[in-house]
PDB file of N, CA and C in Angstrom:
ATOM      1  N   ILE A   1     -46.301  48.938-164.818  1.00  0.00           N
ATOM      2  CA  ILE A   1     -45.418  47.864-164.378  1.00  0.00           C
ATOM      3  C   ILE A   1     -45.134  47.000-165.567  1.00  0.00           C
ATOM      4  N   SER A   2     -43.880  46.825-165.879  1.00  0.00           N
ATOM      5  CA  SER A   2     -43.511  45.969-166.997  1.00  0.00           C
ATOM      6  C   SER A   2     -43.351  44.518-166.500  1.00  0.00           C
ATOM      7  N   THR A   3     -43.800  43.626-167.324  1.00  0.00           N
ATOM      8  CA  THR A   3     -43.697  42.200-167.009  1.00  0.00           C
ATOM      9  C   THR A   3     -43.237  41.457-168.250  1.00  0.00           C
ATOM     10  N   LEU A   4     -42.622  40.325-168.048  1.00  0.00           N
ATOM     11  CA  LEU A   4     -42.253  39.487-169.178  1.00  0.00           C
ATOM     12  C   LEU A   4     -43.439  38.631-169.563  1.00  0.00           C
ATOM     13  N   GLN A   5     -43.710  38.561-170.832  1.00  0.00           N
ATOM     14  CA  GLN A   5     -44.824  37.759-171.318  1.00  0.00           C
ATOM     15  C   GLN A   5     -44.325  36.411-171.783  1.00  0.00           C
ATOM     16  N   PRO A   6     -45.018  35.318-171.418  1.00  0.00           N
ATOM     17  CA  PRO A   6     -44.576  34.016-171.896  1.00  0.00           C
ATOM     18  C   PRO A   6     -44.806  33.909-173.393  1.00  0.00           C
ATOM     19  N   VAL A   7     -43.784  33.528-174.119  1.00  0.00           N
ATOM     20  CA  VAL A   7     -43.879  33.366-175.566  1.00  0.00           C
ATOM     21  C   VAL A   7     -43.160  32.060-175.932  1.00  0.00           C
ATOM     22  N   TRP A   8     -43.567  31.509-177.081  1.00  0.00           N
ATOM     23  CA  TRP A   8     -42.838  30.319-177.551  1.00  0.00           C
ATOM     24  C   TRP A   8     -41.446  30.707-177.977  1.00  0.00           C
ATOM     25  N   VAL A   9     -40.531  29.790-177.846  1.00  0.00           N
ATOM     26  CA  VAL A   9     -39.164  30.050-178.304  1.00  0.00           C
ATOM     27  C   VAL A   9     -39.168  30.070-179.821  1.00  0.00           C
ATOM     28  N   SER A  10     -38.099  30.558-180.387  1.00  0.00           N
ATOM     29  CA  SER A  10     -37.929  30.511-181.833  1.00  0.00           C
ATOM     30  C   SER A  10     -37.276  29.177-182.213  1.00  0.00           C
ATOM     31  N   GLN A  11     -37.300  28.855-183.513  1.00  0.00           N
ATOM     32  CA  GLN A  11     -36.591  27.647-183.954  1.00  0.00           C
ATOM     33  C   GLN A  11     -35.103  27.775-183.685  1.00  0.00           C
ATOM     34  N   ALA A  12     -34.548  28.970-183.813  1.00  0.00           N
ATOM     35  CA  ALA A  12     -33.135  29.175-183.574  1.00  0.00           C
ATOM     36  C   ALA A  12     -32.781  28.933-182.080  1.00  0.00           C
ATOM     37  N   SER A  13     -33.639  29.434-181.206  1.00  0.00           N
ATOM     38  CA  SER A  13     -33.418  29.227-179.762  1.00  0.00           C
ATOM     39  C   SER A  13     -33.489  27.747-179.388  1.00  0.00           C
ATOM     40  N   ALA A  14     -34.449  27.055-179.964  1.00  0.00           N
ATOM     41  CA  ALA A  14     -34.608  25.599-179.674  1.00  0.00           C
ATOM     42  C   ALA A  14     -33.362  24.878-180.177  1.00  0.00           C
ATOM     43  N   LYS A  15     -32.867  25.228-181.321  1.00  0.00           N
ATOM     44  CA  LYS A  15     -31.659  24.576-181.883  1.00  0.00           C
ATOM     45  C   LYS A  15     -30.443  24.855-180.964  1.00  0.00           C
ATOM     46  N   GLN A  16     -30.326  26.077-180.505  1.00  0.00           N
ATOM     47  CA  GLN A  16     -29.205  26.450-179.639  1.00  0.00           C
ATOM     48  C   GLN A  16     -29.283  25.662-178.322  1.00  0.00           C
ATOM     49  N   ARG A  17     -30.479  25.536-177.733  1.00  0.00           N
ATOM     50  CA  ARG A  17     -30.629  24.814-176.483  1.00  0.00           C
ATOM     51  C   ARG A  17     -30.280  23.333-176.686  1.00  0.00           C
ATOM     52  N   ARG A  18     -30.715  22.775-177.851  1.00  0.00           N
ATOM     53  CA  ARG A  18     -30.379  21.374-178.142  1.00  0.00           C
ATOM     54  C   ARG A  18     -28.863  21.200-178.238  1.00  0.00           C
ATOM     55  N   GLY A  19     -28.193  22.184-178.770  1.00  0.00           N
ATOM     56  CA  GLY A  19     -26.740  22.112-178.911  1.00  0.00           C
ATOM     57  C   GLY A  19     -26.005  22.166-177.583  1.00  0.00           C
ATOM     58  N   ARG A  20     -26.636  22.765-176.608  1.00  0.00           N
ATOM     59  CA  ARG A  20     -25.995  22.883-175.265  1.00  0.00           C
ATOM     60  C   ARG A  20     -26.019  21.570-174.539  1.00  0.00           C
ATOM     61  N   ALA A  21     -27.037  20.720-174.817  1.00  0.00           N
ATOM     62  CA  ALA A  21     -27.117  19.439-174.092  1.00  0.00           C
ATOM     63  C   ALA A  21     -25.956  18.563-174.517  1.00  0.00           C
ATOM     64  N   GLY A  22     -25.231  18.063-173.571  1.00  0.00           N
ATOM     65  CA  GLY A  22     -24.096  17.200-173.842  1.00  0.00           C
ATOM     66  C   GLY A  22     -22.812  17.927-174.205  1.00  0.00           C
ATOM     67  N   ARG A  23     -22.784  19.199-174.061  1.00  0.00           N
ATOM     68  CA  ARG A  23     -21.597  19.938-174.436  1.00  0.00           C
ATOM     69  C   ARG A  23     -20.416  19.660-173.486  1.00  0.00           C
ATOM     70  N   THR A  24     -20.697  19.653-172.177  1.00  0.00           N
ATOM     71  CA  THR A  24     -19.591  19.423-171.233  1.00  0.00           C
ATOM     72  C   THR A  24     -19.682  18.033-170.574  1.00  0.00           C
ATOM     73  N   LYS A  25     -20.873  17.455-170.554  1.00  0.00           N
ATOM     74  CA  LYS A  25     -21.051  16.129-170.002  1.00  0.00           C
ATOM     75  C   LYS A  25     -22.132  15.444-170.886  1.00  0.00           C
ATOM     76  N   PRO A  26     -22.204  14.148-170.817  1.00  0.00           N
ATOM     77  CA  PRO A  26     -23.241  13.468-171.591  1.00  0.00           C
ATOM     78  C   PRO A  26     -24.606  14.025-171.212  1.00  0.00           C
ATOM     79  N   GLY A  27     -25.453  14.251-172.234  1.00  0.00           N
ATOM     80  CA  GLY A  27     -26.757  14.778-171.953  1.00  0.00           C
ATOM     81  C   GLY A  27     -27.704  14.671-173.129  1.00  0.00           C
ATOM     82  N   VAL A  28     -28.957  14.833-172.848  1.00  0.00           N
ATOM     83  CA  VAL A  28     -30.001  14.764-173.869  1.00  0.00           C
ATOM     84  C   VAL A  28     -30.916  15.948-173.692  1.00  0.00           C
ATOM     85  N   CYS A  29     -31.427  16.469-174.799  1.00  0.00           N
ATOM     86  CA  CYS A  29     -32.356  17.607-174.731  1.00  0.00           C
ATOM     87  C   CYS A  29     -33.735  17.115-175.089  1.00  0.00           C
ATOM     88  N   PHE A  30     -34.723  17.429-174.250  1.00  0.00           N
ATOM     89  CA  PHE A  30     -36.120  17.101-174.523  1.00  0.00           C
ATOM     90  C   PHE A  30     -36.890  18.389-174.714  1.00  0.00           C
ATOM     91  N   HIS A  31     -37.435  18.573-175.910  1.00  0.00           N
ATOM     92  CA  HIS A  31     -38.307  19.727-176.164  1.00  0.00           C
ATOM     93  C   HIS A  31     -39.736  19.253-175.894  1.00  0.00           C
ATOM     94  N   LEU A  32     -40.453  20.001-175.095  1.00  0.00           N
ATOM     95  CA  LEU A  32     -41.812  19.586-174.738  1.00  0.00           C
ATOM     96  C   LEU A  32     -42.834  20.171-175.713  1.00  0.00           C
ATOM     97  N   PHE A  33     -42.579  20.005-176.984  1.00  0.00           N
ATOM     98  CA  PHE A  33     -43.519  20.367-178.023  1.00  0.00           C
ATOM     99  C   PHE A  33     -43.334  19.442-179.192  1.00  0.00           C
ATOM    100  N   SER A  34     -44.343  19.345-180.004  1.00  0.00           N
ATOM    101  CA  SER A  34     -44.319  18.410-181.134  1.00  0.00           C
ATOM    102  C   SER A  34     -43.517  18.958-182.335  1.00  0.00           C
ATOM    103  N   ARG A  35     -43.242  18.083-183.285  1.00  0.00           N
ATOM    104  CA  ARG A  35     -42.600  18.551-184.535  1.00  0.00           C
ATOM    105  C   ARG A  35     -43.479  19.591-185.246  1.00  0.00           C
ATOM    106  N   ARG A  36     -44.785  19.349-185.211  1.00  0.00           N
ATOM    107  CA  ARG A  36     -45.683  20.302-185.844  1.00  0.00           C
ATOM    108  C   ARG A  36     -45.584  21.670-185.197  1.00  0.00           C
ATOM    109  N   ARG A  37     -45.504  21.723-183.853  1.00  0.00           N
ATOM    110  CA  ARG A  37     -45.339  22.965-183.175  1.00  0.00           C
ATOM    111  C   ARG A  37     -44.013  23.590-183.548  1.00  0.00           C
ATOM    112  N   HIS A  38     -42.952  22.791-183.589  1.00  0.00           N
ATOM    113  CA  HIS A  38     -41.632  23.310-183.960  1.00  0.00           C
ATOM    114  C   HIS A  38     -41.661  23.965-185.337  1.00  0.00           C
ATOM    115  N   GLU A  39     -42.328  23.323-186.286  1.00  0.00           N
ATOM    116  CA  GLU A  39     -42.418  23.846-187.640  1.00  0.00           C
ATOM    117  C   GLU A  39     -43.212  25.158-187.676  1.00  0.00           C
ATOM    118  N   SER A  40     -44.114  25.347-186.674  1.00  0.00           N
ATOM    119  CA  SER A  40     -44.913  26.565-186.687  1.00  0.00           C
ATOM    120  C   SER A  40     -44.234  27.727-185.957  1.00  0.00           C
ATOM    121  N   LEU A  41     -43.119  27.429-185.243  1.00  0.00           N
ATOM    122  CA  LEU A  41     -42.402  28.480-184.535  1.00  0.00           C
ATOM    123  C   LEU A  41     -41.762  29.440-185.493  1.00  0.00           C
ATOM    124  N   ARG A  42     -41.584  30.662-185.056  1.00  0.00           N
ATOM    125  CA  ARG A  42     -40.879  31.666-185.875  1.00  0.00           C
ATOM    126  C   ARG A  42     -39.424  31.233-186.006  1.00  0.00           C
ATOM    127  N   PRO A  43     -38.801  31.528-187.155  1.00  0.00           N
ATOM    128  CA  PRO A  43     -37.366  31.173-187.273  1.00  0.00           C
ATOM    129  C   PRO A  43     -36.506  31.865-186.215  1.00  0.00           C
ATOM    130  N   PHE A  44     -36.804  33.152-185.966  1.00  0.00           N
ATOM    131  CA  PHE A  44     -36.059  33.942-184.951  1.00  0.00           C
ATOM    132  C   PHE A  44     -37.062  34.795-184.212  1.00  0.00           C
ATOM    133  N   LEU A  45     -36.805  35.060-182.939  1.00  0.00           N
ATOM    134  CA  LEU A  45     -37.663  35.960-182.175  1.00  0.00           C
ATOM    135  C   LEU A  45     -37.336  37.381-182.536  1.00  0.00           C
ATOM    136  N   GLU A  46     -38.345  38.213-182.494  1.00  0.00           N
ATOM    137  CA  GLU A  46     -38.215  39.638-182.694  1.00  0.00           C
ATOM    138  C   GLU A  46     -37.392  40.207-181.508  1.00  0.00           C
ATOM    139  N   SER A  47     -36.638  41.228-181.735  1.00  0.00           N
ATOM    140  CA  SER A  47     -35.864  41.871-180.674  1.00  0.00           C
ATOM    141  C   SER A  47     -36.752  42.259-179.503  1.00  0.00           C
ATOM    142  N   GLU A  48     -36.242  42.086-178.309  1.00  0.00           N
ATOM    143  CA  GLU A  48     -37.042  42.415-177.108  1.00  0.00           C
ATOM    144  C   GLU A  48     -37.387  43.882-177.100  1.00  0.00           C
ATOM    145  N   LEU A  49     -36.568  44.724-177.632  1.00  0.00           N
ATOM    146  CA  LEU A  49     -36.837  46.142-177.726  1.00  0.00           C
ATOM    147  C   LEU A  49     -38.068  46.424-178.559  1.00  0.00           C
ATOM    148  N   LEU A  50     -38.378  45.544-179.487  1.00  0.00           N
ATOM    149  CA  LEU A  50     -39.582  45.695-180.313  1.00  0.00           C
ATOM    150  C   LEU A  50     -40.806  45.024-179.752  1.00  0.00           C
ATOM    151  N   ARG A  51     -40.596  44.112-178.761  1.00  0.00           N
ATOM    152  CA  ARG A  51     -41.689  43.322-178.202  1.00  0.00           C
ATOM    153  C   ARG A  51     -42.198  43.860-176.885  1.00  0.00           C
ATOM    154  N   THR A  52     -41.468  44.746-176.233  1.00  0.00           N
ATOM    155  CA  THR A  52     -41.830  45.192-174.878  1.00  0.00           C
ATOM    156  C   THR A  52     -42.171  46.686-174.880  1.00  0.00           C
ATOM    157  N   PRO A  53     -42.943  47.089-173.907  1.00  0.00           N
ATOM    158  CA  PRO A  53     -43.271  48.529-173.778  1.00  0.00           C
ATOM    159  C   PRO A  53     -41.987  49.348-173.582  1.00  0.00           C
ATOM    160  N   LEU A  54     -41.929  50.539-174.146  1.00  0.00           N
ATOM    161  CA  LEU A  54     -40.717  51.330-174.132  1.00  0.00           C
ATOM    162  C   LEU A  54     -40.631  52.336-172.966  1.00  0.00           C
ATOM    163  N   GLU A  55     -41.681  52.439-172.177  1.00  0.00           N
ATOM    164  CA  GLU A  55     -41.712  53.467-171.119  1.00  0.00           C
ATOM    165  C   GLU A  55     -40.544  53.279-170.154  1.00  0.00           C
ATOM    166  N   GLU A  56     -40.305  52.042-169.712  1.00  0.00           N
ATOM    167  CA  GLU A  56     -39.244  51.822-168.742  1.00  0.00           C
ATOM    168  C   GLU A  56     -37.876  52.124-169.368  1.00  0.00           C
ATOM    169  N   MET A  57     -37.711  51.750-170.623  1.00  0.00           N
ATOM    170  CA  MET A  57     -36.455  52.044-171.308  1.00  0.00           C
ATOM    171  C   MET A  57     -36.221  53.538-171.426  1.00  0.00           C
ATOM    172  N   CYS A  58     -37.283  54.293-171.713  1.00  0.00           N
ATOM    173  CA  CYS A  58     -37.189  55.733-171.821  1.00  0.00           C
ATOM    174  C   CYS A  58     -36.776  56.357-170.460  1.00  0.00           C
ATOM    175  N   LEU A  59     -37.388  55.834-169.376  1.00  0.00           N
ATOM    176  CA  LEU A  59     -37.001  56.333-168.040  1.00  0.00           C
ATOM    177  C   LEU A  59     -35.558  56.027-167.729  1.00  0.00           C
ATOM    178  N   GLN A  60     -35.112  54.824-168.063  1.00  0.00           N
ATOM    179  CA  GLN A  60     -33.717  54.462-167.816  1.00  0.00           C
ATOM    180  C   GLN A  60     -32.739  55.348-168.585  1.00  0.00           C
ATOM    181  N   CYS A  61     -33.112  55.620-169.857  1.00  0.00           N
ATOM    182  CA  CYS A  61     -32.252  56.490-170.664  1.00  0.00           C
ATOM    183  C   CYS A  61     -32.094  57.848-170.034  1.00  0.00           C
ATOM    184  N   LYS A  62     -33.208  58.399-169.557  1.00  0.00           N
ATOM    185  CA  LYS A  62     -33.177  59.721-168.940  1.00  0.00           C
ATOM    186  C   LYS A  62     -32.395  59.663-167.619  1.00  0.00           C
ATOM    187  N   LYS A  63     -32.646  58.643-166.803  1.00  0.00           N
ATOM    188  CA  LYS A  63     -32.010  58.555-165.491  1.00  0.00           C
ATOM    189  C   LYS A  63     -30.506  58.417-165.626  1.00  0.00           C
ATOM    190  N   LEU A  64     -30.074  57.622-166.605  1.00  0.00           N
ATOM    191  CA  LEU A  64     -28.625  57.405-166.809  1.00  0.00           C
ATOM    192  C   LEU A  64     -28.019  58.476-167.680  1.00  0.00           C
ATOM    193  N   GLU A  65     -28.818  59.451-168.069  1.00  0.00           N
ATOM    194  CA  GLU A  65     -28.354  60.578-168.923  1.00  0.00           C
ATOM    195  C   GLU A  65     -27.737  60.072-170.223  1.00  0.00           C
ATOM    196  N   LEU A  66     -28.328  58.999-170.739  1.00  0.00           N
ATOM    197  CA  LEU A  66     -27.851  58.479-172.005  1.00  0.00           C
ATOM    198  C   LEU A  66     -28.429  59.265-173.176  1.00  0.00           C
ATOM    199  N   ALA A  67     -29.517  59.983-172.892  1.00  0.00           N
ATOM    200  CA  ALA A  67     -30.212  60.677-173.930  1.00  0.00           C
ATOM    201  C   ALA A  67     -30.474  62.125-173.540  1.00  0.00           C
ATOM    202  N   PRO A  68     -29.414  62.920-173.434  1.00  0.00           N
ATOM    203  CA  PRO A  68     -29.694  64.353-173.071  1.00  0.00           C
ATOM    204  C   PRO A  68     -30.457  65.016-174.207  1.00  0.00           C
ATOM    205  N   GLY A  69     -31.330  65.873-173.866  1.00  0.00           N
ATOM    206  CA  GLY A  69     -32.103  66.571-174.869  1.00  0.00           C
ATOM    207  C   GLY A  69     -32.815  67.755-174.265  1.00  0.00           C
ATOM    208  N   GLY A  70     -33.160  68.662-175.117  1.00  0.00           N
ATOM    209  CA  GLY A  70     -33.825  69.857-174.605  1.00  0.00           C
ATOM    210  C   GLY A  70     -35.339  69.714-174.718  1.00  0.00           C
ATOM    211  N   GLN A  71     -35.974  70.859-174.923  1.00  0.00           N
ATOM    212  CA  GLN A  71     -37.445  70.866-174.924  1.00  0.00           C
ATOM    213  C   GLN A  71     -38.025  69.999-176.034  1.00  0.00           C
ATOM    214  N   ASP A  72     -37.419  70.076-177.232  1.00  0.00           N
ATOM    215  CA  ASP A  72     -37.938  69.245-178.315  1.00  0.00           C
ATOM    216  C   ASP A  72     -37.390  67.827-178.318  1.00  0.00           C
ATOM    217  N   ASP A  73     -36.368  67.604-177.525  1.00  0.00           N
ATOM    218  CA  ASP A  73     -35.802  66.260-177.316  1.00  0.00           C
ATOM    219  C   ASP A  73     -35.319  65.638-178.636  1.00  0.00           C
ATOM    220  N   ASN A  74     -34.952  66.451-179.633  1.00  0.00           N
ATOM    221  CA  ASN A  74     -34.484  65.913-180.926  1.00  0.00           C
ATOM    222  C   ASN A  74     -33.233  65.073-180.765  1.00  0.00           C
ATOM    223  N   ASP A  75     -32.353  65.432-179.875  1.00  0.00           N
ATOM    224  CA  ASP A  75     -31.120  64.698-179.668  1.00  0.00           C
ATOM    225  C   ASP A  75     -31.250  63.754-178.462  1.00  0.00           C
ATOM    226  N   GLY A  76     -32.458  63.504-178.021  1.00  0.00           N
ATOM    227  CA  GLY A  76     -32.660  62.742-176.797  1.00  0.00           C
ATOM    228  C   GLY A  76     -33.019  61.300-177.060  1.00  0.00           C
ATOM    229  N   ILE A  77     -34.046  60.847-176.372  1.00  0.00           N
ATOM    230  CA  ILE A  77     -34.428  59.449-176.362  1.00  0.00           C
ATOM    231  C   ILE A  77     -34.700  58.889-177.759  1.00  0.00           C
ATOM    232  N   PRO A  78     -35.500  59.591-178.595  1.00  0.00           N
ATOM    233  CA  PRO A  78     -35.726  58.997-179.957  1.00  0.00           C
ATOM    234  C   PRO A  78     -34.442  58.774-180.720  1.00  0.00           C
ATOM    235  N   ALA A  79     -33.529  59.756-180.642  1.00  0.00           N
ATOM    236  CA  ALA A  79     -32.258  59.594-181.355  1.00  0.00           C
ATOM    237  C   ALA A  79     -31.420  58.499-180.768  1.00  0.00           C
ATOM    238  N   PHE A  80     -31.389  58.385-179.425  1.00  0.00           N
ATOM    239  CA  PHE A  80     -30.607  57.349-178.781  1.00  0.00           C
ATOM    240  C   PHE A  80     -31.134  55.948-179.128  1.00  0.00           C
ATOM    241  N   LEU A  81     -32.444  55.728-179.015  1.00  0.00           N
ATOM    242  CA  LEU A  81     -33.031  54.453-179.320  1.00  0.00           C
ATOM    243  C   LEU A  81     -32.955  54.143-180.820  1.00  0.00           C
ATOM    244  N   GLY A  82     -32.920  55.197-181.627  1.00  0.00           N
ATOM    245  CA  GLY A  82     -32.801  55.021-183.071  1.00  0.00           C
ATOM    246  C   GLY A  82     -31.455  54.445-183.492  1.00  0.00           C
ATOM    247  N   LYS A  83     -30.490  54.453-182.597  1.00  0.00           N
ATOM    248  CA  LYS A  83     -29.158  53.892-182.875  1.00  0.00           C
ATOM    249  C   LYS A  83     -29.068  52.415-182.564  1.00  0.00           C
ATOM    250  N   ALA A  84     -30.148  51.834-182.007  1.00  0.00           N
ATOM    251  CA  ALA A  84     -30.137  50.407-181.633  1.00  0.00           C
ATOM    252  C   ALA A  84     -30.000  49.542-182.906  1.00  0.00           C
ATOM    253  N   MET A  85     -29.559  48.319-182.745  1.00  0.00           N
ATOM    254  CA  MET A  85     -29.446  47.388-183.897  1.00  0.00           C
ATOM    255  C   MET A  85     -30.784  47.197-184.567  1.00  0.00           C
ATOM    256  N   THR A  86     -31.833  47.063-183.754  1.00  0.00           N
ATOM    257  CA  THR A  86     -33.190  46.963-184.245  1.00  0.00           C
ATOM    258  C   THR A  86     -34.007  48.074-183.581  1.00  0.00           C
ATOM    259  N   PRO A  87     -33.943  49.254-184.124  1.00  0.00           N
ATOM    260  CA  PRO A  87     -34.574  50.403-183.440  1.00  0.00           C
ATOM    261  C   PRO A  87     -36.112  50.298-183.468  1.00  0.00           C
ATOM    262  N   PRO A  88     -36.720  50.740-182.410  1.00  0.00           N
ATOM    263  CA  PRO A  88     -38.194  50.737-182.363  1.00  0.00           C
ATOM    264  C   PRO A  88     -38.708  51.829-183.337  1.00  0.00           C
ATOM    265  N   HIS A  89     -39.956  51.670-183.725  1.00  0.00           N
ATOM    266  CA  HIS A  89     -40.563  52.659-184.610  1.00  0.00           C
ATOM    267  C   HIS A  89     -40.630  54.001-183.867  1.00  0.00           C
ATOM    268  N   PRO A  90     -40.298  55.095-184.546  1.00  0.00           N
ATOM    269  CA  PRO A  90     -40.324  56.417-183.882  1.00  0.00           C
ATOM    270  C   PRO A  90     -41.655  56.744-183.241  1.00  0.00           C
ATOM    271  N   LYS A  91     -42.764  56.295-183.855  1.00  0.00           N
ATOM    272  CA  LYS A  91     -44.080  56.553-183.256  1.00  0.00           C
ATOM    273  C   LYS A  91     -44.262  55.808-181.938  1.00  0.00           C
ATOM    274  N   SER A  92     -43.674  54.633-181.827  1.00  0.00           N
ATOM    275  CA  SER A  92     -43.736  53.875-180.573  1.00  0.00           C
ATOM    276  C   SER A  92     -42.987  54.596-179.453  1.00  0.00           C
ATOM    277  N   VAL A  93     -41.831  55.163-179.824  1.00  0.00           N
ATOM    278  CA  VAL A  93     -41.051  55.932-178.839  1.00  0.00           C
ATOM    279  C   VAL A  93     -41.844  57.183-178.401  1.00  0.00           C
ATOM    280  N   GLN A  94     -42.431  57.873-179.373  1.00  0.00           N
ATOM    281  CA  GLN A  94     -43.193  59.067-179.049  1.00  0.00           C
ATOM    282  C   GLN A  94     -44.387  58.733-178.180  1.00  0.00           C
ATOM    283  N   ASN A  95     -45.085  57.612-178.480  1.00  0.00           N
ATOM    284  CA  ASN A  95     -46.217  57.197-177.652  1.00  0.00           C
ATOM    285  C   ASN A  95     -45.761  56.895-176.208  1.00  0.00           C
ATOM    286  N   ALA A  96     -44.572  56.303-176.054  1.00  0.00           N
ATOM    287  CA  ALA A  96     -44.039  56.013-174.692  1.00  0.00           C
ATOM    288  C   ALA A  96     -43.773  57.297-173.979  1.00  0.00           C
ATOM    289  N   LEU A  97     -43.158  58.281-174.654  1.00  0.00           N
ATOM    290  CA  LEU A  97     -42.862  59.553-174.035  1.00  0.00           C
ATOM    291  C   LEU A  97     -44.130  60.306-173.658  1.00  0.00           C
ATOM    292  N   ASP A  98     -45.140  60.252-174.559  1.00  0.00           N
ATOM    293  CA  ASP A  98     -46.421  60.916-174.252  1.00  0.00           C
ATOM    294  C   ASP A  98     -47.065  60.275-173.000  1.00  0.00           C
ATOM    295  N   LEU A  99     -47.005  58.964-172.923  1.00  0.00           N
ATOM    296  CA  LEU A  99     -47.589  58.323-171.738  1.00  0.00           C
ATOM    297  C   LEU A  99     -46.863  58.703-170.458  1.00  0.00           C
ATOM    298  N   LEU A 100     -45.522  58.779-170.521  1.00  0.00           N
ATOM    299  CA  LEU A 100     -44.788  59.213-169.341  1.00  0.00           C
ATOM    300  C   LEU A 100     -45.132  60.614-168.911  1.00  0.00           C
ATOM    301  N   VAL A 101     -45.390  61.504-169.872  1.00  0.00           N
ATOM    302  CA  VAL A 101     -45.823  62.850-169.559  1.00  0.00           C
ATOM    303  C   VAL A 101     -47.238  62.789-168.924  1.00  0.00           C
ATOM    304  N   ASP A 102     -48.133  62.011-169.518  1.00  0.00           N
ATOM    305  CA  ASP A 102     -49.490  61.885-168.986  1.00  0.00           C
ATOM    306  C   ASP A 102     -49.490  61.322-167.580  1.00  0.00           C
ATOM    307  N   LEU A 103     -48.585  60.401-167.303  1.00  0.00           N
ATOM    308  CA  LEU A 103     -48.502  59.797-165.962  1.00  0.00           C
ATOM    309  C   LEU A 103     -47.798  60.713-164.946  1.00  0.00           C
ATOM    310  N   GLY A 104     -47.179  61.758-165.455  1.00  0.00           N
ATOM    311  CA  GLY A 104     -46.476  62.681-164.567  1.00  0.00           C
ATOM    312  C   GLY A 104     -45.061  62.271-164.220  1.00  0.00           C
ATOM    313  N   ALA A 105     -44.502  61.347-165.025  1.00  0.00           N
ATOM    314  CA  ALA A 105     -43.153  60.893-164.788  1.00  0.00           C
ATOM    315  C   ALA A 105     -42.124  61.767-165.503  1.00  0.00           C
ATOM    316  N   MET A 106     -42.559  62.533-166.513  1.00  0.00           N
ATOM    317  CA  MET A 106     -41.698  63.450-167.247  1.00  0.00           C
ATOM    318  C   MET A 106     -42.418  64.796-167.351  1.00  0.00           C
ATOM    319  N   ASP A 107     -41.631  65.859-167.274  1.00  0.00           N
ATOM    320  CA  ASP A 107     -42.178  67.207-167.423  1.00  0.00           C
ATOM    321  C   ASP A 107     -42.454  67.463-168.907  1.00  0.00           C
ATOM    322  N   GLU A 108     -43.640  67.959-169.185  1.00  0.00           N
ATOM    323  CA  GLU A 108     -44.036  68.193-170.577  1.00  0.00           C
ATOM    324  C   GLU A 108     -43.228  69.250-171.246  1.00  0.00           C
ATOM    325  N   ASP A 109     -42.818  70.298-170.509  1.00  0.00           N
ATOM    326  CA  ASP A 109     -42.095  71.414-171.113  1.00  0.00           C
ATOM    327  C   ASP A 109     -40.601  71.154-171.286  1.00  0.00           C
ATOM    328  N   THR A 110     -40.006  70.516-170.308  1.00  0.00           N
ATOM    329  CA  THR A 110     -38.548  70.335-170.331  1.00  0.00           C
ATOM    330  C   THR A 110     -38.094  68.916-170.685  1.00  0.00           C
ATOM    331  N   ASN A 111     -39.031  67.958-170.671  1.00  0.00           N
ATOM    332  CA  ASN A 111     -38.740  66.565-170.851  1.00  0.00           C
ATOM    333  C   ASN A 111     -37.807  65.986-169.789  1.00  0.00           C
ATOM    334  N   ASP A 112     -37.704  66.695-168.662  1.00  0.00           N
ATOM    335  CA  ASP A 112     -36.904  66.195-167.534  1.00  0.00           C
ATOM    336  C   ASP A 112     -37.753  65.240-166.711  1.00  0.00           C
ATOM    337  N   LEU A 113     -37.098  64.359-166.000  1.00  0.00           N
ATOM    338  CA  LEU A 113     -37.804  63.454-165.059  1.00  0.00           C
ATOM    339  C   LEU A 113     -38.371  64.256-163.907  1.00  0.00           C
ATOM    340  N   THR A 114     -39.560  63.900-163.509  1.00  0.00           N
ATOM    341  CA  THR A 114     -40.171  64.489-162.313  1.00  0.00           C
ATOM    342  C   THR A 114     -39.763  63.614-161.106  1.00  0.00           C
ATOM    343  N   ASP A 115     -40.227  63.980-159.926  1.00  0.00           N
ATOM    344  CA  ASP A 115     -39.966  63.170-158.750  1.00  0.00           C
ATOM    345  C   ASP A 115     -40.538  61.775-158.922  1.00  0.00           C
ATOM    346  N   LEU A 116     -41.695  61.695-159.585  1.00  0.00           N
ATOM    347  CA  LEU A 116     -42.314  60.390-159.794  1.00  0.00           C
ATOM    348  C   LEU A 116     -41.476  59.550-160.776  1.00  0.00           C
ATOM    349  N   GLY A 117     -40.908  60.211-161.773  1.00  0.00           N
ATOM    350  CA  GLY A 117     -40.098  59.494-162.768  1.00  0.00           C
ATOM    351  C   GLY A 117     -38.763  59.072-162.208  1.00  0.00           C
TER     352      GLY A 117
END
């Protein structure tokens, strides 16, 4: 089961939110953290594709037939995700595919989705 993890915003996100206050009507933005905390925030957040488990993304790619591939899946999910603006590490994709096979969501021989997948 994938869940969103609470994380601190980035400095860029905080700046963008501050800019939204008062854009259409008078308003003020209150950040509920100190200047020291703000200075310790990352300048930008890492892409969500790099921060979250890839299993659900792999299942969606297969279900939507975005990543057709045969037994070796060379033209499949790893190639499809490799085209992302910030592609995940190939080992992370392979680990996700291995887990889906271990869980019985993908067939080990054909890389097709099973009934569970």
